[in-house]
């Protein structure tokens, strides 16, 4: 019984890690950065620095597409 409980817990933890998404390749990140830069030029950054805005925007797009967030761009 403990074995089954341990197995179920392991599978649950593995599932939680696997749900984080795939790592985006550099080409996709560059494309999203350009997209977000265009948004910043057209609509502004709501008082954020350009770098902070781009990071937040890129990460939002990545998570919407099922990818992991990045720490810096």
PDB file of N, CA and C in Angstrom:
ATOM      1  N   UNK A   1       0.820  -1.184   0.000  1.00  0.00           N
ATOM      2  CA  UNK A   1       0.000   0.000   0.000  1.00  0.00           C
ATOM      3  C   UNK A   1       0.872   1.259   0.000  1.00  0.00           C
ATOM      4  N   UNK A   2       1.938   1.264   0.807  1.00  0.00           N
ATOM      5  CA  UNK A   2       2.834   2.422   0.826  1.00  0.00           C
ATOM      6  C   UNK A   2       3.499   2.607  -0.532  1.00  0.00           C
ATOM      7  N   UNK A   3       3.799   1.481  -1.185  1.00  0.00           N
ATOM      8  CA  UNK A   3       4.407   1.561  -2.513  1.00  0.00           C
ATOM      9  C   UNK A   3       3.473   2.257  -3.481  1.00  0.00           C
ATOM     10  N   UNK A   4       2.195   1.888  -3.475  1.00  0.00           N
ATOM     11  CA  UNK A   4       1.229   2.510  -4.371  1.00  0.00           C
ATOM     12  C   UNK A   4       1.058   3.992  -4.061  1.00  0.00           C
ATOM     13  N   UNK A   5       1.030   4.329  -2.792  1.00  0.00           N
ATOM     14  CA  UNK A   5       0.917   5.728  -2.402  1.00  0.00           C
ATOM     15  C   UNK A   5       2.143   6.514  -2.875  1.00  0.00           C
ATOM     16  N   UNK A   6       3.316   5.948  -2.711  1.00  0.00           N
ATOM     17  CA  UNK A   6       4.550   6.588  -3.175  1.00  0.00           C
ATOM     18  C   UNK A   6       4.576   6.741  -4.681  1.00  0.00           C
ATOM     19  N   UNK A   7       4.106   5.720  -5.376  1.00  0.00           N
ATOM     20  CA  UNK A   7       4.047   5.765  -6.837  1.00  0.00           C
ATOM     21  C   UNK A   7       3.094   6.857  -7.303  1.00  0.00           C
ATOM     22  N   UNK A   8       1.939   6.949  -6.678  1.00  0.00           N
ATOM     23  CA  UNK A   8       0.958   7.963  -7.055  1.00  0.00           C
ATOM     24  C   UNK A   8       1.507   9.364  -6.777  1.00  0.00           C
ATOM     25  N   UNK A   9       2.178   9.531  -5.651  1.00  0.00           N
ATOM     26  CA  UNK A   9       2.764  10.822  -5.310  1.00  0.00           C
ATOM     27  C   UNK A   9       3.847  11.193  -6.315  1.00  0.00           C
ATOM     28  N   UNK A  10       4.672  10.248  -6.701  1.00  0.00           N
ATOM     29  CA  UNK A  10       5.727  10.502  -7.683  1.00  0.00           C
ATOM     30  C   UNK A  10       5.143  10.913  -9.021  1.00  0.00           C
ATOM     31  N   UNK A  11       4.106  10.214  -9.457  1.00  0.00           N
ATOM     32  CA  UNK A  11       3.473  10.552 -10.726  1.00  0.00           C
ATOM     33  C   UNK A  11       2.825  11.927 -10.675  1.00  0.00           C
ATOM     34  N   UNK A  12       2.242  12.269  -9.547  1.00  0.00           N
ATOM     35  CA  UNK A  12       1.636  13.592  -9.388  1.00  0.00           C
ATOM     36  C   UNK A  12       2.698  14.677  -9.462  1.00  0.00           C
ATOM     37  N   UNK A  13       3.825  14.479  -8.781  1.00  0.00           N
ATOM     38  CA  UNK A  13       4.899  15.460  -8.810  1.00  0.00           C
ATOM     39  C   UNK A  13       5.494  15.577 -10.200  1.00  0.00           C
ATOM     40  N   UNK A  14       5.656  14.451 -10.880  1.00  0.00           N
ATOM     41  CA  UNK A  14       6.183  14.482 -12.242  1.00  0.00           C
ATOM     42  C   UNK A  14       5.229  15.233 -13.155  1.00  0.00           C
ATOM     43  N   UNK A  15       3.946  15.034 -12.978  1.00  0.00           N
ATOM     44  CA  UNK A  15       2.949  15.733 -13.781  1.00  0.00           C
ATOM     45  C   UNK A  15       2.997  17.225 -13.549  1.00  0.00           C
ATOM     46  N   UNK A  16       3.241  17.642 -12.328  1.00  0.00           N
ATOM     47  CA  UNK A  16       3.319  19.070 -12.026  1.00  0.00           C
ATOM     48  C   UNK A  16       4.530  19.694 -12.702  1.00  0.00           C
ATOM     49  N   UNK A  17       5.633  18.982 -12.744  1.00  0.00           N
ATOM     50  CA  UNK A  17       6.829  19.494 -13.401  1.00  0.00           C
ATOM     51  C   UNK A  17       6.637  19.506 -14.910  1.00  0.00           C
ATOM     52  N   UNK A  18       6.025  18.477 -15.454  1.00  0.00           N
ATOM     53  CA  UNK A  18       5.838  18.384 -16.890  1.00  0.00           C
ATOM     54  C   UNK A  18       4.871  19.442 -17.412  1.00  0.00           C
ATOM     55  N   UNK A  19       3.984  19.939 -16.574  1.00  0.00           N
ATOM     56  CA  UNK A  19       3.012  20.932 -17.004  1.00  0.00           C
ATOM     57  C   UNK A  19       3.600  22.327 -17.155  1.00  0.00           C
ATOM     58  N   UNK A  20       4.847  22.519 -16.777  1.00  0.00           N
ATOM     59  CA  UNK A  20       5.462  23.838 -16.872  1.00  0.00           C
ATOM     60  C   UNK A  20       5.634  24.271 -18.315  1.00  0.00           C
ATOM     61  N   UNK A  21       5.640  23.372 -19.251  1.00  0.00           N
ATOM     62  CA  UNK A  21       5.770  23.709 -20.652  1.00  0.00           C
ATOM     63  C   UNK A  21       7.161  23.455 -21.180  1.00  0.00           C
ATOM     64  N   UNK A  22       7.257  23.583 -22.491  1.00  0.00           N
ATOM     65  CA  UNK A  22       8.527  23.379 -23.171  1.00  0.00           C
ATOM     66  C   UNK A  22       9.357  24.656 -23.127  1.00  0.00           C
ATOM     67  N   UNK A  23      10.630  24.511 -23.403  1.00  0.00           N
ATOM     68  CA  UNK A  23      11.524  25.654 -23.494  1.00  0.00           C
ATOM     69  C   UNK A  23      11.442  26.187 -24.923  1.00  0.00           C
ATOM     70  N   UNK A  24      11.199  27.485 -25.048  1.00  0.00           N
ATOM     71  CA  UNK A  24      11.101  28.113 -26.371  1.00  0.00           C
ATOM     72  C   UNK A  24      12.493  28.269 -26.970  1.00  0.00           C
ATOM     73  N   UNK A  25      12.576  28.144 -28.292  1.00  0.00           N
ATOM     74  CA  UNK A  25      13.866  28.338 -28.946  1.00  0.00           C
ATOM     75  C   UNK A  25      14.144  29.832 -29.126  1.00  0.00           C
ATOM     76  N   UNK A  26      15.389  30.143 -29.437  1.00  0.00           N
ATOM     77  CA  UNK A  26      15.831  31.537 -29.530  1.00  0.00           C
ATOM     78  C   UNK A  26      15.077  32.307 -30.609  1.00  0.00           C
ATOM     79  N   UNK A  27      14.727  31.639 -31.705  1.00  0.00           N
ATOM     80  CA  UNK A  27      14.016  32.315 -32.795  1.00  0.00           C
ATOM     81  C   UNK A  27      12.637  32.779 -32.344  1.00  0.00           C
ATOM     82  N   UNK A  28      11.930  31.956 -31.582  1.00  0.00           N
ATOM     83  CA  UNK A  28      10.610  32.337 -31.082  1.00  0.00           C
ATOM     84  C   UNK A  28      10.728  33.490 -30.097  1.00  0.00           C
ATOM     85  N   UNK A  29      11.709  33.438 -29.224  1.00  0.00           N
ATOM     86  CA  UNK A  29      11.901  34.512 -28.246  1.00  0.00           C
ATOM     87  C   UNK A  29      12.217  35.825 -28.965  1.00  0.00           C
ATOM     88  N   UNK A  30      13.061  35.769 -29.990  1.00  0.00           N
ATOM     89  CA  UNK A  30      13.390  36.974 -30.760  1.00  0.00           C
ATOM     90  C   UNK A  30      12.148  37.535 -31.449  1.00  0.00           C
ATOM     91  N   UNK A  31      11.322  36.654 -31.994  1.00  0.00           N
ATOM     92  CA  UNK A  31      10.089  37.088 -32.653  1.00  0.00           C
ATOM     93  C   UNK A  31       9.139  37.749 -31.658  1.00  0.00           C
ATOM     94  N   UNK A  32       8.992  37.141 -30.483  1.00  0.00           N
ATOM     95  CA  UNK A  32       8.115  37.711 -29.461  1.00  0.00           C
ATOM     96  C   UNK A  32       8.676  39.024 -28.927  1.00  0.00           C
ATOM     97  N   UNK A  33       9.997  39.121 -28.822  1.00  0.00           N
ATOM     98  CA  UNK A  33      10.609  40.364 -28.358  1.00  0.00           C
ATOM     99  C   UNK A  33      10.316  41.491 -29.339  1.00  0.00           C
ATOM    100  N   UNK A  34      10.407  41.213 -30.633  1.00  0.00           N
ATOM    101  CA  UNK A  34      10.105  42.222 -31.640  1.00  0.00           C
ATOM    102  C   UNK A  34       8.635  42.622 -31.582  1.00  0.00           C
ATOM    103  N   UNK A  35       7.760  41.619 -31.430  1.00  0.00           N
ATOM    104  CA  UNK A  35       6.322  41.871 -31.302  1.00  0.00           C
ATOM    105  C   UNK A  35       6.048  42.781 -30.101  1.00  0.00           C
ATOM    106  N   UNK A  36       6.652  42.473 -28.977  1.00  0.00           N
ATOM    107  CA  UNK A  36       6.445  43.258 -27.761  1.00  0.00           C
ATOM    108  C   UNK A  36       7.052  44.650 -27.888  1.00  0.00           C
ATOM    109  N   UNK A  37       8.176  44.763 -28.589  1.00  0.00           N
ATOM    110  CA  UNK A  37       8.783  46.067 -28.827  1.00  0.00           C
ATOM    111  C   UNK A  37       7.854  46.938 -29.681  1.00  0.00           C
ATOM    112  N   UNK A  38       7.200  46.327 -30.661  1.00  0.00           N
ATOM    113  CA  UNK A  38       6.233  47.058 -31.486  1.00  0.00           C
ATOM    114  C   UNK A  38       5.067  47.563 -30.634  1.00  0.00           C
ATOM    115  N   UNK A  39       4.609  46.723 -29.720  1.00  0.00           N
ATOM    116  CA  UNK A  39       3.527  47.133 -28.821  1.00  0.00           C
ATOM    117  C   UNK A  39       3.980  48.311 -27.964  1.00  0.00           C
ATOM    118  N   UNK A  40       5.198  48.231 -27.442  1.00  0.00           N
ATOM    119  CA  UNK A  40       5.719  49.301 -26.597  1.00  0.00           C
ATOM    120  C   UNK A  40       5.807  50.612 -27.368  1.00  0.00           C
ATOM    121  N   UNK A  41       6.228  50.550 -28.626  1.00  0.00           N
ATOM    122  CA  UNK A  41       6.337  51.757 -29.443  1.00  0.00           C
ATOM    123  C   UNK A  41       4.958  52.362 -29.726  1.00  0.00           C
ATOM    124  N   UNK A  42       3.969  51.504 -29.964  1.00  0.00           N
ATOM    125  CA  UNK A  42       2.635  51.989 -30.312  1.00  0.00           C
ATOM    126  C   UNK A  42       1.822  52.422 -29.101  1.00  0.00           C
ATOM    127  N   UNK A  43       1.888  51.642 -28.019  1.00  0.00           N
ATOM    128  CA  UNK A  43       0.997  51.860 -26.876  1.00  0.00           C
ATOM    129  C   UNK A  43       1.705  52.356 -25.623  1.00  0.00           C
ATOM    130  N   UNK A  44       3.017  52.361 -25.600  1.00  0.00           N
ATOM    131  CA  UNK A  44       3.757  52.746 -24.405  1.00  0.00           C
ATOM    132  C   UNK A  44       3.949  51.560 -23.474  1.00  0.00           C
ATOM    133  N   UNK A  45       4.629  51.824 -22.365  1.00  0.00           N
ATOM    134  CA  UNK A  45       4.993  50.751 -21.434  1.00  0.00           C
ATOM    135  C   UNK A  45       4.330  50.890 -20.074  1.00  0.00           C
ATOM    136  N   UNK A  46       3.351  51.745 -19.941  1.00  0.00           N
ATOM    137  CA  UNK A  46       2.653  51.975 -18.669  1.00  0.00           C
ATOM    138  C   UNK A  46       3.614  52.310 -17.532  1.00  0.00           C
ATOM    139  N   UNK A  47       4.625  53.108 -17.834  1.00  0.00           N
ATOM    140  CA  UNK A  47       5.554  53.556 -16.799  1.00  0.00           C
ATOM    141  C   UNK A  47       6.680  52.590 -16.487  1.00  0.00           C
ATOM    142  N   UNK A  48       6.664  51.395 -17.067  1.00  0.00           N
ATOM    143  CA  UNK A  48       7.754  50.443 -16.843  1.00  0.00           C
ATOM    144  C   UNK A  48       8.933  50.808 -17.726  1.00  0.00           C
ATOM    145  N   UNK A  49      10.119  50.379 -17.311  1.00  0.00           N
ATOM    146  CA  UNK A  49      11.259  50.514 -18.207  1.00  0.00           C
ATOM    147  C   UNK A  49      11.012  49.597 -19.411  1.00  0.00           C
ATOM    148  N   UNK A  50      11.646  49.914 -20.525  1.00  0.00           N
ATOM    149  CA  UNK A  50      11.439  49.111 -21.725  1.00  0.00           C
ATOM    150  C   UNK A  50      11.839  47.661 -21.487  1.00  0.00           C
ATOM    151  N   UNK A  51      12.971  47.434 -20.812  1.00  0.00           N
ATOM    152  CA  UNK A  51      13.431  46.061 -20.558  1.00  0.00           C
ATOM    153  C   UNK A  51      12.438  45.282 -19.700  1.00  0.00           C
ATOM    154  N   UNK A  52      11.916  45.914 -18.658  1.00  0.00           N
ATOM    155  CA  UNK A  52      10.944  45.243 -17.789  1.00  0.00           C
ATOM    156  C   UNK A  52       9.663  44.940 -18.563  1.00  0.00           C
ATOM    157  N   UNK A  53       9.228  45.885 -19.384  1.00  0.00           N
ATOM    158  CA  UNK A  53       8.024  45.677 -20.189  1.00  0.00           C
ATOM    159  C   UNK A  53       8.219  44.514 -21.158  1.00  0.00           C
ATOM    160  N   UNK A  54       9.365  44.510 -21.850  1.00  0.00           N
ATOM    161  CA  UNK A  54       9.626  43.446 -22.822  1.00  0.00           C
ATOM    162  C   UNK A  54       9.663  42.076 -22.155  1.00  0.00           C
ATOM    163  N   UNK A  55      10.316  41.981 -20.996  1.00  0.00           N
ATOM    164  CA  UNK A  55      10.390  40.697 -20.291  1.00  0.00           C
ATOM    165  C   UNK A  55       8.998  40.218 -19.891  1.00  0.00           C
ATOM    166  N   UNK A  56       8.199  41.111 -19.334  1.00  0.00           N
ATOM    167  CA  UNK A  56       6.848  40.734 -18.921  1.00  0.00           C
ATOM    168  C   UNK A  56       5.991  40.339 -20.123  1.00  0.00           C
ATOM    169  N   UNK A  57       6.074  41.121 -21.181  1.00  0.00           N
ATOM    170  CA  UNK A  57       5.296  40.840 -22.386  1.00  0.00           C
ATOM    171  C   UNK A  57       5.695  39.507 -23.016  1.00  0.00           C
ATOM    172  N   UNK A  58       6.993  39.289 -23.173  1.00  0.00           N
ATOM    173  CA  UNK A  58       7.482  38.032 -23.759  1.00  0.00           C
ATOM    174  C   UNK A  58       7.045  36.851 -22.903  1.00  0.00           C
ATOM    175  N   UNK A  59       7.180  36.963 -21.595  1.00  0.00           N
ATOM    176  CA  UNK A  59       6.781  35.867 -20.709  1.00  0.00           C
ATOM    177  C   UNK A  59       5.275  35.609 -20.782  1.00  0.00           C
ATOM    178  N   UNK A  60       4.475  36.654 -20.895  1.00  0.00           N
ATOM    179  CA  UNK A  60       3.031  36.455 -21.055  1.00  0.00           C
ATOM    180  C   UNK A  60       2.724  35.693 -22.329  1.00  0.00           C
ATOM    181  N   UNK A  61       3.374  36.072 -23.411  1.00  0.00           N
ATOM    182  CA  UNK A  61       3.150  35.385 -24.685  1.00  0.00           C
ATOM    183  C   UNK A  61       3.638  33.942 -24.627  1.00  0.00           C
ATOM    184  N   UNK A  62       4.788  33.720 -23.999  1.00  0.00           N
ATOM    185  CA  UNK A  62       5.310  32.355 -23.890  1.00  0.00           C
ATOM    186  C   UNK A  62       4.356  31.458 -23.103  1.00  0.00           C
ATOM    187  N   UNK A  63       3.879  31.940 -21.968  1.00  0.00           N
ATOM    188  CA  UNK A  63       2.982  31.110 -21.163  1.00  0.00           C
ATOM    189  C   UNK A  63       1.654  30.889 -21.869  1.00  0.00           C
ATOM    190  N   UNK A  64       1.182  31.882 -22.617  1.00  0.00           N
ATOM    191  CA  UNK A  64      -0.052  31.707 -23.382  1.00  0.00           C
ATOM    192  C   UNK A  64       0.085  30.629 -24.450  1.00  0.00           C
ATOM    193  N   UNK A  65       1.314  30.456 -24.952  1.00  0.00           N
ATOM    194  CA  UNK A  65       1.574  29.452 -25.982  1.00  0.00           C
ATOM    195  C   UNK A  65       2.077  28.130 -25.399  1.00  0.00           C
ATOM    196  N   UNK A  66       2.134  28.030 -24.058  1.00  0.00           N
ATOM    197  CA  UNK A  66       2.514  26.775 -23.424  1.00  0.00           C
ATOM    198  C   UNK A  66       3.993  26.583 -23.200  1.00  0.00           C
ATOM    199  N   UNK A  67       4.757  27.655 -23.253  1.00  0.00           N
ATOM    200  CA  UNK A  67       6.202  27.567 -23.030  1.00  0.00           C
ATOM    201  C   UNK A  67       6.555  28.070 -21.632  1.00  0.00           C
ATOM    202  N   UNK A  68       7.745  27.739 -21.193  1.00  0.00           N
ATOM    203  CA  UNK A  68       8.264  28.215 -19.918  1.00  0.00           C
ATOM    204  C   UNK A  68       8.647  29.679 -20.035  1.00  0.00           C
ATOM    205  N   UNK A  69       8.578  30.382 -18.912  1.00  0.00           N
ATOM    206  CA  UNK A  69       9.029  31.770 -18.870  1.00  0.00           C
ATOM    207  C   UNK A  69      10.540  31.809 -18.943  1.00  0.00           C
ATOM    208  N   UNK A  70      11.060  32.970 -19.351  1.00  0.00           N
ATOM    209  CA  UNK A  70      12.505  33.188 -19.363  1.00  0.00           C
ATOM    210  C   UNK A  70      12.837  34.185 -18.261  1.00  0.00           C
ATOM    211  N   UNK A  71      14.078  34.159 -17.799  1.00  0.00           N
ATOM    212  CA  UNK A  71      14.506  35.057 -16.737  1.00  0.00           C
ATOM    213  C   UNK A  71      15.018  36.388 -17.283  1.00  0.00           C
ATOM    214  N   UNK A  72      15.571  36.348 -18.496  1.00  0.00           N
ATOM    215  CA  UNK A  72      16.054  37.585 -19.119  1.00  0.00           C
ATOM    216  C   UNK A  72      16.007  37.403 -20.633  1.00  0.00           C
ATOM    217  N   UNK A  73      15.963  38.549 -21.309  1.00  0.00           N
ATOM    218  CA  UNK A  73      15.961  38.508 -22.771  1.00  0.00           C
ATOM    219  C   UNK A  73      17.022  39.442 -23.314  1.00  0.00           C
TER     220      UNK A  73
END
